[in-house]
């Protein structure tokens, strides 16, 4: 069984997770301690605040070890050095949100957490365990408490470690961290849709433990989406920041993977590639982990299928809402992980969904021209679609496809040769430029990338 406990700082999730694990005879994994440790090491290495991007390498190479104690915080070691008390200091608390928001750091530590969860019989706690790390958990709990209550708990914890901090400073620190954790683009703090919410304000530890254990007794192991089978050999791969793979499809796993997509793309690539004599080039530019915007030109309604067979990860396409008017087709598209957007208006729901995809470190597929274009021609890039590319930690890969528009011509089905060409990540404008100007610059660079890839594709 796997139990995921999420919540903001000071909500009591660490204490509850540890005690629930003891009562139920399960293992306990303090994911927050892992991020705090990397933050401490990043501070000592001078990577905070301007070189946080280098912390991923630090996380990959850190010999991190957690040891449970019966009646206290998890003991944390880096090699032979114990850092249990150091990672709870104020400087680490003030900077852990910024370090944990780095896509590279999250990729490394999330992989390690999934490797532990794959062994089963564990209670994990953090901020995105139920939404990103282990969305397949048998029980998800989201714990909350008033900010004053959380500050008092934090003060008591510090006093137990022979440290002190004024209550008003703790309230300010916690409020600042809440705002950062909830507003960040990558794996933000939020309650999973199927999580049980428990407000611990005014409740004793024993009462909260009873509530969680009662829910755990009623929960049944999920049979829908199994965790990947992790071996000692594969664990070393995970530490190199590559997520585990589904054995069935061998596609790199994302928390948002759908069963139908994985199943379908076990077979479709081996059929479509030889059938259309597909030539796929530049795939080395495609990242195997982290949030990616796949910006593709548009020739045919079949483009998503050709693009899907060309990449090793599931693509969540933002597709025109008209496709959902045909209900059977809409249901299939939903199960393939795509979602609708209403063209010609500000579709906030579609934007939120796209940001959720990127926040989970998955791949978002968009067609920035908006409409299909004739073979050999490109349409105008809508500046608004580049707003996803401008988010921190998101990689934008331009893709040009040729030949797909010739598959269906009139009532005739043809087998033209299809060429798919991936370009290097799009170079984005400086953060200091106003957003409206950045969108225009980004769309211009994407248009240039399309034209350059078309030349390469024709060679």
Protein backbone atom coordinates (compact mmCIF):
# COMPACT_ATOMS: atom_id res chain seq x y z
CA UNK A 1 0.00 0.00 0.00
CA UNK A 2 1.12 3.57 -0.70
CA UNK A 3 -0.11 6.59 1.25
CA UNK A 4 0.65 10.13 0.01
CA UNK A 5 0.34 13.00 2.48
CA UNK A 6 0.66 16.54 1.13
CA UNK A 7 0.22 19.96 2.65
CA UNK A 8 1.85 23.34 3.30
CA UNK A 9 4.74 23.95 5.66
CA UNK A 10 3.85 23.36 9.30
CA UNK A 11 0.60 21.51 8.67
CA UNK A 12 1.93 18.56 10.68
CA UNK A 13 2.33 16.16 7.78
CA UNK A 14 5.83 14.99 8.76
CA UNK A 15 4.78 14.02 12.29
CA UNK A 16 1.54 12.41 11.12
CA UNK A 17 3.19 10.53 8.24
CA UNK A 18 5.84 9.11 10.57
CA UNK A 19 3.31 8.05 13.22
CA UNK A 20 0.88 6.58 10.69
CA UNK A 21 3.72 4.56 9.18
CA UNK A 22 4.64 3.20 12.62
CA UNK A 23 1.07 2.27 13.50
CA UNK A 24 0.46 0.53 10.18
CA UNK A 25 3.88 -1.14 10.05
CA UNK A 26 4.92 0.75 6.92
CA UNK A 27 8.05 2.58 5.84
CA UNK A 28 8.19 6.40 5.99
CA UNK A 29 9.85 8.68 3.40
CA UNK A 30 10.38 12.36 4.23
CA UNK A 31 10.58 13.93 0.75
CA UNK A 32 10.89 17.41 2.25
CA UNK A 33 14.15 16.42 3.94
CA UNK A 34 15.53 15.47 0.54
CA UNK A 35 14.82 18.93 -0.91
CA UNK A 36 16.13 20.63 2.23
CA UNK A 37 19.39 18.69 1.95
CA UNK A 38 19.99 19.76 -1.65
CA UNK A 39 19.12 23.34 -0.64
CA UNK A 40 21.70 23.24 2.17
CA UNK A 41 24.38 21.94 -0.19
CA UNK A 42 23.42 24.49 -2.87
CA UNK A 43 23.76 27.30 -0.32
CA UNK A 44 27.16 26.01 0.76
CA UNK A 45 28.27 25.80 -2.88
CA UNK A 46 27.17 29.39 -3.59
CA UNK A 47 24.51 28.31 -6.13
CA UNK A 48 21.70 30.29 -4.49
CA UNK A 49 20.15 32.46 -5.79
CA UNK A 50 21.78 33.02 -9.21
CA UNK A 51 23.06 29.52 -10.13
CA UNK A 52 20.23 27.30 -8.93
CA UNK A 53 20.15 25.66 -12.36
CA UNK A 54 23.42 23.91 -11.43
CA UNK A 55 21.81 22.28 -8.38
CA UNK A 56 20.49 19.38 -10.48
CA UNK A 57 24.05 18.11 -10.99
CA UNK A 58 24.60 18.53 -7.26
CA UNK A 59 21.46 16.48 -6.55
CA UNK A 60 22.52 13.73 -8.97
CA UNK A 61 25.92 13.34 -7.32
CA UNK A 62 24.82 13.65 -3.68
CA UNK A 63 25.08 10.38 -1.67
CA UNK A 64 21.88 11.10 0.27
CA UNK A 65 20.74 8.66 2.97
CA UNK A 66 17.70 8.80 5.25
CA UNK A 67 17.46 6.84 8.51
CA UNK A 68 14.26 6.64 10.52
CA UNK A 69 14.19 7.33 14.23
CA UNK A 70 11.48 6.01 16.50
CA UNK A 71 10.46 9.29 18.14
CA UNK A 72 12.04 12.19 16.23
CA UNK A 73 12.77 13.65 12.80
CA UNK A 74 14.35 11.45 10.15
CA UNK A 75 18.12 11.42 10.40
CA UNK A 76 19.63 12.73 7.18
CA UNK A 77 23.15 11.98 5.97
CA UNK A 78 25.25 13.17 3.06
CA UNK A 79 27.87 10.47 2.89
CA UNK A 80 29.06 10.18 6.48
CA UNK A 81 28.06 13.75 7.40
CA UNK A 82 24.80 14.10 9.35
CA UNK A 83 22.80 17.22 8.38
CA UNK A 84 19.55 16.49 10.27
CA UNK A 85 19.61 19.72 12.29
CA UNK A 86 21.29 21.91 9.66
CA UNK A 87 18.54 21.39 7.07
CA UNK A 88 15.93 22.74 9.52
CA UNK A 89 17.66 26.13 9.86
CA UNK A 90 15.97 29.38 8.82
CA UNK A 91 18.25 30.01 5.81
CA UNK A 92 17.37 26.63 4.35
CA UNK A 93 13.66 27.21 5.06
CA UNK A 94 13.79 30.55 3.24
CA UNK A 95 15.42 29.09 0.12
CA UNK A 96 14.07 25.53 -0.18
CA UNK A 97 11.06 26.60 -2.27
CA UNK A 98 13.29 28.24 -4.90
CA UNK A 99 15.63 25.23 -5.12
CA UNK A 100 12.80 22.68 -5.17
CA UNK A 101 11.12 24.63 -8.02
CA UNK A 102 14.10 23.88 -10.29
CA UNK A 103 13.05 21.36 -12.94
CA UNK A 104 16.36 19.50 -12.86
CA UNK A 105 16.38 19.09 -9.08
CA UNK A 106 12.78 17.87 -9.12
CA UNK A 107 13.53 15.35 -11.88
CA UNK A 108 16.36 13.79 -9.86
CA UNK A 109 14.57 13.68 -6.50
CA UNK A 110 11.20 12.69 -7.95
CA UNK A 111 12.88 9.71 -9.62
CA UNK A 112 14.42 8.67 -6.30
CA UNK A 113 11.07 9.04 -4.53
CA UNK A 114 9.32 6.93 -7.16
CA UNK A 115 12.02 4.28 -6.82
CA UNK A 116 11.28 4.08 -3.09
CA UNK A 117 7.52 4.07 -3.64
CA UNK A 118 7.82 1.27 -6.19
CA UNK A 119 8.99 -1.02 -3.36
CA UNK A 120 5.55 -0.55 -1.78
CA UNK A 121 4.33 -0.39 1.82
CA UNK A 122 5.35 3.24 2.33
CA UNK A 123 4.01 6.57 3.56
CA UNK A 124 5.38 9.59 1.67
CA UNK A 125 4.82 13.22 2.58
CA UNK A 126 5.60 16.44 0.76
CA UNK A 127 3.87 19.04 -1.40
CA UNK A 128 3.27 17.24 -4.70
CA UNK A 129 3.37 13.56 -3.75
CA UNK A 130 -0.28 12.89 -4.58
CA UNK A 131 -0.42 15.14 -7.62
CA UNK A 132 2.93 14.55 -9.36
CA UNK A 133 5.23 12.03 -7.67
CA UNK A 134 2.78 9.16 -6.99
CA UNK A 135 -0.63 10.03 -8.46
CA UNK A 136 -1.44 6.29 -8.26
CA UNK A 137 -1.23 6.27 -4.43
CA UNK A 138 -3.88 4.13 -2.71
CA UNK A 139 -4.71 6.94 -0.28
CA UNK A 140 -4.06 10.67 -0.72
CA UNK A 141 -4.37 13.06 2.20
CA UNK A 142 -4.06 16.86 2.04
CA UNK A 143 -3.40 18.39 5.45
CA UNK A 144 -4.01 22.03 6.31
CA UNK A 145 -3.95 24.24 9.42
CA UNK A 146 -4.22 27.93 10.20
CA UNK A 147 -1.02 29.88 9.60
CA UNK A 148 -0.81 30.85 13.30
CA UNK A 149 -1.09 27.21 14.36
CA UNK A 150 1.58 26.18 11.88
CA UNK A 151 3.93 28.92 13.11
CA UNK A 152 3.50 27.76 16.71
CA UNK A 153 4.31 24.18 15.72
CA UNK A 154 7.40 25.31 13.86
CA UNK A 155 8.54 27.34 16.88
CA UNK A 156 8.13 24.32 19.15
CA UNK A 157 10.11 22.21 16.69
CA UNK A 158 12.95 24.74 16.67
CA UNK A 159 12.98 24.92 20.47
CA UNK A 160 13.32 21.13 20.61
CA UNK A 161 16.42 21.55 18.46
CA UNK A 162 17.76 24.22 20.85
CA UNK A 163 17.04 27.03 18.35
CA UNK A 164 14.59 29.91 18.43
CA UNK A 165 12.79 32.37 16.16
CA UNK A 166 10.11 34.97 16.99
CA UNK A 167 6.54 33.92 16.20
CA UNK A 168 5.85 36.93 13.96
CA UNK A 169 8.92 36.11 11.82
CA UNK A 170 7.77 32.51 11.48
CA UNK A 171 4.30 33.64 10.38
CA UNK A 172 5.88 35.88 7.72
CA UNK A 173 8.23 33.12 6.53
CA UNK A 174 5.42 30.56 6.27
CA UNK A 175 3.09 32.97 4.46
CA UNK A 176 5.85 33.80 1.97
CA UNK A 177 6.59 30.14 1.37
CA UNK A 178 2.89 29.31 0.93
CA UNK A 179 2.56 31.95 -1.78
CA UNK A 180 5.68 30.71 -3.58
CA UNK A 181 4.79 27.00 -3.36
CA UNK A 182 1.23 27.55 -4.57
CA UNK A 183 2.12 29.94 -7.38
CA UNK A 184 5.14 28.26 -8.93
CA UNK A 185 4.76 26.82 -12.44
CA UNK A 186 6.45 23.48 -11.72
CA UNK A 187 4.61 21.03 -9.43
CA UNK A 188 2.74 23.69 -7.40
CA UNK A 189 1.29 22.95 -3.98
CA UNK A 190 -2.33 21.89 -4.50
CA UNK A 191 -4.80 19.30 -3.33
CA UNK A 192 -5.25 16.29 -5.59
CA UNK A 193 -8.81 15.93 -6.88
CA UNK A 194 -9.27 12.62 -5.08
CA UNK A 195 -7.44 13.55 -1.86
CA UNK A 196 -9.03 13.63 1.59
CA UNK A 197 -8.58 17.07 3.19
CA UNK A 198 -7.95 17.24 6.93
CA UNK A 199 -7.75 20.56 8.79
CA UNK A 200 -5.53 19.81 11.79
CA UNK A 201 -6.12 23.14 13.58
CA UNK A 202 -7.24 22.34 17.10
CA UNK A 203 -6.81 18.58 16.68
CA UNK A 204 -4.38 16.49 18.67
CA UNK A 205 -1.76 14.37 16.94
CA UNK A 206 -3.57 11.23 18.08
CA UNK A 207 -6.86 12.43 16.57
CA UNK A 208 -5.28 13.13 13.19
CA UNK A 209 -3.49 9.76 13.20
CA UNK A 210 -6.80 8.03 13.91
CA UNK A 211 -8.45 9.85 10.99
CA UNK A 212 -5.70 8.91 8.53
CA UNK A 213 -5.50 5.30 9.70
CA UNK A 214 -9.27 4.94 9.41
CA UNK A 215 -9.08 6.17 5.81
CA UNK A 216 -6.17 3.82 5.13
CA UNK A 217 -8.17 0.84 6.42
CA UNK A 218 -11.02 1.71 4.06
CA UNK A 219 -8.74 2.24 1.06
CA UNK A 220 -8.13 -0.52 -1.43
CA UNK A 221 -4.90 -0.84 -3.49
CA UNK A 222 -5.38 0.78 -6.89
CA UNK A 223 -5.42 -1.63 -9.82
CA UNK A 224 -5.65 1.07 -12.46
CA UNK A 225 -2.12 2.30 -13.04
CA UNK A 226 0.67 0.20 -11.50
CA UNK A 227 3.92 1.68 -10.37
CA UNK A 228 6.93 0.91 -12.55
CA UNK A 229 8.99 -2.13 -11.61
CA UNK A 230 12.20 -0.72 -10.17
CA UNK A 231 15.37 -2.76 -9.82
CA UNK A 232 18.73 -1.84 -8.33
CA UNK A 233 20.11 -1.32 -11.84
CA UNK A 234 17.29 0.98 -12.89
CA UNK A 235 17.69 3.02 -9.72
CA UNK A 236 21.07 4.22 -10.94
CA UNK A 237 19.41 5.43 -14.14
CA UNK A 238 16.85 7.35 -12.13
CA UNK A 239 19.54 9.19 -10.23
CA UNK A 240 20.72 10.51 -13.57
CA UNK A 241 17.40 12.42 -13.81
CA UNK A 242 15.57 10.07 -16.19
CA UNK A 243 12.08 9.06 -15.01
CA UNK A 244 11.27 5.35 -14.85
CA UNK A 245 9.78 3.66 -17.92
CA UNK A 246 6.65 1.65 -18.41
CA UNK A 247 7.76 -1.85 -19.36
CA UNK A 248 4.85 -2.32 -21.79
CA UNK A 249 5.42 0.63 -24.10
CA UNK A 250 8.97 1.62 -23.06
CA UNK A 251 7.80 5.24 -23.21
CA UNK A 252 9.26 7.59 -20.62
CA UNK A 253 6.69 7.83 -17.87
CA UNK A 254 4.87 11.04 -16.90
CA UNK A 255 2.44 11.44 -13.99
CA UNK A 256 -0.21 12.29 -16.60
CA UNK A 257 0.30 9.24 -18.81
CA UNK A 258 -2.92 7.54 -19.89
CA UNK A 259 -3.30 3.79 -20.27
CA UNK A 260 -4.84 4.02 -23.75
CA UNK A 261 -1.97 6.17 -25.03
CA UNK A 262 0.69 3.81 -23.70
CA UNK A 263 -1.15 0.79 -25.09
CA UNK A 264 -1.84 2.34 -28.51
CA UNK A 265 1.69 3.57 -29.00
CA UNK A 266 3.11 0.13 -28.36
CA UNK A 267 1.85 -0.75 -31.84
CA UNK A 268 1.19 2.40 -33.86
CA UNK A 269 4.87 3.42 -34.38
CA UNK A 270 5.88 0.03 -35.77
CA UNK A 271 3.00 0.22 -38.26
CA UNK A 272 2.98 3.87 -39.27
CA UNK A 273 6.71 4.38 -39.69
CA UNK A 274 7.23 1.77 -42.42
CA UNK A 275 3.78 2.38 -43.94
CA UNK A 276 4.56 6.05 -44.60
CA UNK A 277 8.32 5.54 -44.97
CA UNK A 278 8.76 8.09 -42.20
CA UNK A 279 12.05 9.95 -41.96
CA UNK A 280 12.52 11.32 -38.45
CA UNK A 281 15.51 13.57 -37.83
CA UNK A 282 16.75 15.79 -35.01
CA UNK A 283 15.17 13.65 -32.30
CA UNK A 284 18.31 14.07 -30.21
CA UNK A 285 17.04 17.57 -29.43
CA UNK A 286 14.00 16.15 -27.63
CA UNK A 287 14.42 16.06 -23.79
CA UNK A 288 13.62 12.77 -22.06
CA UNK A 289 12.47 14.52 -18.89
CA UNK A 290 10.98 17.79 -17.74
CA UNK A 291 8.33 20.15 -19.11
CA UNK A 292 8.38 20.48 -22.91
CA UNK A 293 6.34 22.53 -25.35
CA UNK A 294 6.29 20.77 -28.71
CA UNK A 295 5.44 23.50 -31.25
CA UNK A 296 4.55 21.97 -34.61
CA UNK A 297 3.40 23.29 -37.97
CA UNK A 298 -0.05 22.12 -39.10
CA UNK A 299 -0.76 20.24 -42.32
CA UNK A 300 -3.46 17.68 -41.49
CA UNK A 301 -5.83 16.46 -38.77
CA UNK A 302 -3.58 13.39 -38.68
CA UNK A 303 -0.60 15.47 -37.48
CA UNK A 304 -0.98 14.43 -33.80
CA UNK A 305 -0.68 10.76 -34.76
CA UNK A 306 2.45 11.30 -36.83
CA UNK A 307 3.98 13.45 -34.10
CA UNK A 308 3.06 10.91 -31.44
CA UNK A 309 4.90 8.08 -33.20
CA UNK A 310 7.98 10.28 -33.57
CA UNK A 311 8.72 11.00 -29.88
CA UNK A 312 9.47 8.72 -26.92
CA UNK A 313 7.07 10.47 -24.50
CA UNK A 314 3.32 10.96 -24.31
CA UNK A 315 2.22 14.25 -25.87
CA UNK A 316 -0.80 16.08 -24.45
CA UNK A 317 -2.22 17.95 -27.42
CA UNK A 318 -4.17 21.17 -27.22
CA UNK A 319 -6.71 20.51 -29.99
CA UNK A 320 -9.60 22.46 -31.48
CA UNK A 321 -12.85 22.07 -29.56
CA UNK A 322 -14.77 21.14 -32.72
CA UNK A 323 -13.31 17.62 -32.55
CA UNK A 324 -15.21 16.98 -29.31
CA UNK A 325 -18.56 17.61 -31.02
CA UNK A 326 -18.31 14.06 -32.37
CA UNK A 327 -18.78 12.33 -29.02
CA UNK A 328 -17.09 8.97 -29.73
CA UNK A 329 -14.08 10.81 -31.14
CA UNK A 330 -14.04 13.19 -28.17
CA UNK A 331 -13.97 10.30 -25.70
CA UNK A 332 -11.03 8.70 -27.49
CA UNK A 333 -9.14 11.99 -27.63
CA UNK A 334 -9.73 12.52 -23.91
CA UNK A 335 -8.33 9.10 -23.12
CA UNK A 336 -5.30 9.85 -25.24
CA UNK A 337 -4.55 12.77 -22.91
CA UNK A 338 -5.53 15.67 -25.19
CA UNK A 339 -7.86 18.53 -24.27
CA UNK A 340 -9.96 21.09 -26.19
CA UNK A 341 -9.38 24.77 -26.83
CA UNK A 342 -11.97 27.13 -28.28
CA UNK A 343 -10.29 29.08 -31.04
CA UNK A 344 -10.84 32.79 -31.49
CA UNK A 345 -11.42 33.55 -27.82
CA UNK A 346 -9.58 33.55 -24.50
CA UNK A 347 -10.12 29.99 -23.29
CA UNK A 348 -8.97 30.17 -19.68
CA UNK A 349 -9.85 26.56 -18.94
CA UNK A 350 -7.60 25.36 -21.76
CA UNK A 351 -4.79 27.61 -20.53
CA UNK A 352 -5.12 26.23 -17.01
CA UNK A 353 -5.04 22.69 -18.35
CA UNK A 354 -1.93 23.44 -20.42
CA UNK A 355 -0.18 24.87 -17.35
CA UNK A 356 -1.10 21.77 -15.35
CA UNK A 357 0.51 19.61 -18.03
CA UNK A 358 3.71 21.64 -17.91
CA UNK A 359 3.61 21.86 -14.13
CA UNK A 360 3.62 18.08 -13.98
CA UNK A 361 6.76 17.98 -16.14
CA UNK A 362 4.91 16.52 -19.12
CA UNK A 363 4.86 17.33 -22.86
CA UNK A 364 2.40 19.87 -24.26
CA UNK A 365 1.75 19.68 -28.01
CA UNK A 366 0.52 22.84 -29.75
CA UNK A 367 -0.05 23.96 -33.33
CA UNK A 368 0.77 27.68 -33.11
CA UNK A 369 -0.44 28.46 -36.63
CA UNK A 370 -3.97 27.71 -35.48
CA UNK A 371 -5.17 26.37 -38.83
CA UNK A 372 -3.94 23.85 -41.39
CA UNK A 373 -1.63 25.21 -44.07
CA UNK A 374 -0.89 23.92 -47.60
CA UNK A 375 2.22 21.79 -48.14
CA UNK A 376 5.34 23.92 -48.28
CA UNK A 377 3.72 26.99 -46.71
CA UNK A 378 3.56 28.34 -43.16
CA UNK A 379 0.92 30.48 -41.47
CA UNK A 380 1.34 33.31 -38.99
CA UNK A 381 2.35 32.34 -35.46
CA UNK A 382 -0.15 33.53 -32.87
CA UNK A 383 1.90 35.36 -30.21
CA UNK A 384 -0.45 34.24 -27.43
CA UNK A 385 0.52 30.57 -27.74
CA UNK A 386 4.12 31.37 -26.88
CA UNK A 387 3.16 32.32 -23.32
CA UNK A 388 3.68 28.65 -22.35
CA UNK A 389 7.22 28.74 -23.74
CA UNK A 390 8.07 31.78 -21.65
CA UNK A 391 7.51 30.01 -18.34
CA UNK A 392 10.56 29.19 -16.23
CA UNK A 393 11.92 25.67 -16.71
CA UNK A 394 9.98 24.94 -19.92
CA UNK A 395 11.85 23.80 -23.05
CA UNK A 396 10.29 24.61 -26.43
CA UNK A 397 11.12 22.29 -29.33
CA UNK A 398 10.07 23.38 -32.86
CA UNK A 399 8.94 20.61 -35.21
CA UNK A 400 8.17 20.67 -38.93
CA UNK A 401 6.23 17.88 -40.64
CA UNK A 402 5.85 17.49 -44.39
CA UNK A 403 3.74 15.00 -46.33
CA UNK A 404 0.91 14.57 -43.81
CA UNK A 405 -1.36 16.86 -45.82
CA UNK A 406 -1.25 14.42 -48.74
CA UNK A 407 -2.56 11.40 -46.84
CA UNK A 408 -6.23 12.35 -47.26
CA UNK A 409 -7.00 14.25 -50.44
CA UNK A 410 -10.64 14.39 -51.36
CA UNK A 411 -11.95 10.89 -50.76
CA UNK A 412 -8.65 9.24 -51.59
CA UNK A 413 -6.31 7.70 -49.00
CA UNK A 414 -2.66 7.88 -50.05
CA UNK A 415 0.66 6.69 -48.63
CA UNK A 416 3.04 9.63 -49.15
CA UNK A 417 6.45 9.76 -47.54
CA UNK A 418 6.26 11.71 -44.25
CA UNK A 419 9.19 13.72 -42.92
CA UNK A 420 9.38 14.88 -39.28
CA UNK A 421 12.22 17.24 -38.35
CA UNK A 422 12.93 18.38 -34.78
CA UNK A 423 14.93 21.53 -34.15
CA UNK A 424 17.09 22.56 -31.20
CA UNK A 425 15.37 24.20 -28.22
CA UNK A 426 14.05 27.65 -29.00
CA UNK A 427 16.20 30.49 -27.67
CA UNK A 428 13.90 32.73 -25.68
CA UNK A 429 14.16 36.50 -25.17
CA UNK A 430 15.63 38.01 -22.03
CA UNK A 431 13.44 38.06 -18.92
CA UNK A 432 13.89 41.82 -18.64
CA UNK A 433 11.85 42.44 -21.80
CA UNK A 434 8.11 43.20 -21.23
CA UNK A 435 5.95 40.11 -21.70
CA UNK A 436 4.06 41.39 -24.74
CA UNK A 437 7.36 42.07 -26.51
CA UNK A 438 8.75 38.71 -25.40
CA UNK A 439 5.74 36.96 -26.96
CA UNK A 440 6.33 38.74 -30.25
CA UNK A 441 10.05 37.92 -30.23
CA UNK A 442 9.34 34.27 -29.33
CA UNK A 443 6.75 33.90 -32.09
CA UNK A 444 9.17 35.46 -34.59
CA UNK A 445 11.92 33.03 -33.60
CA UNK A 446 9.50 30.13 -33.87
CA UNK A 447 8.52 31.21 -37.39
CA UNK A 448 12.22 31.42 -38.33
CA UNK A 449 12.77 27.95 -36.86
CA UNK A 450 9.93 26.53 -38.97
CA UNK A 451 11.41 27.96 -42.16
CA UNK A 452 14.90 26.70 -41.31
CA UNK A 453 13.62 23.19 -40.50
CA UNK A 454 11.68 23.11 -43.75
CA UNK A 455 14.94 23.60 -45.66
CA UNK A 456 16.59 20.78 -43.66
CA UNK A 457 13.58 18.52 -44.21
CA UNK A 458 13.73 19.03 -47.98
CA UNK A 459 17.40 18.06 -48.21
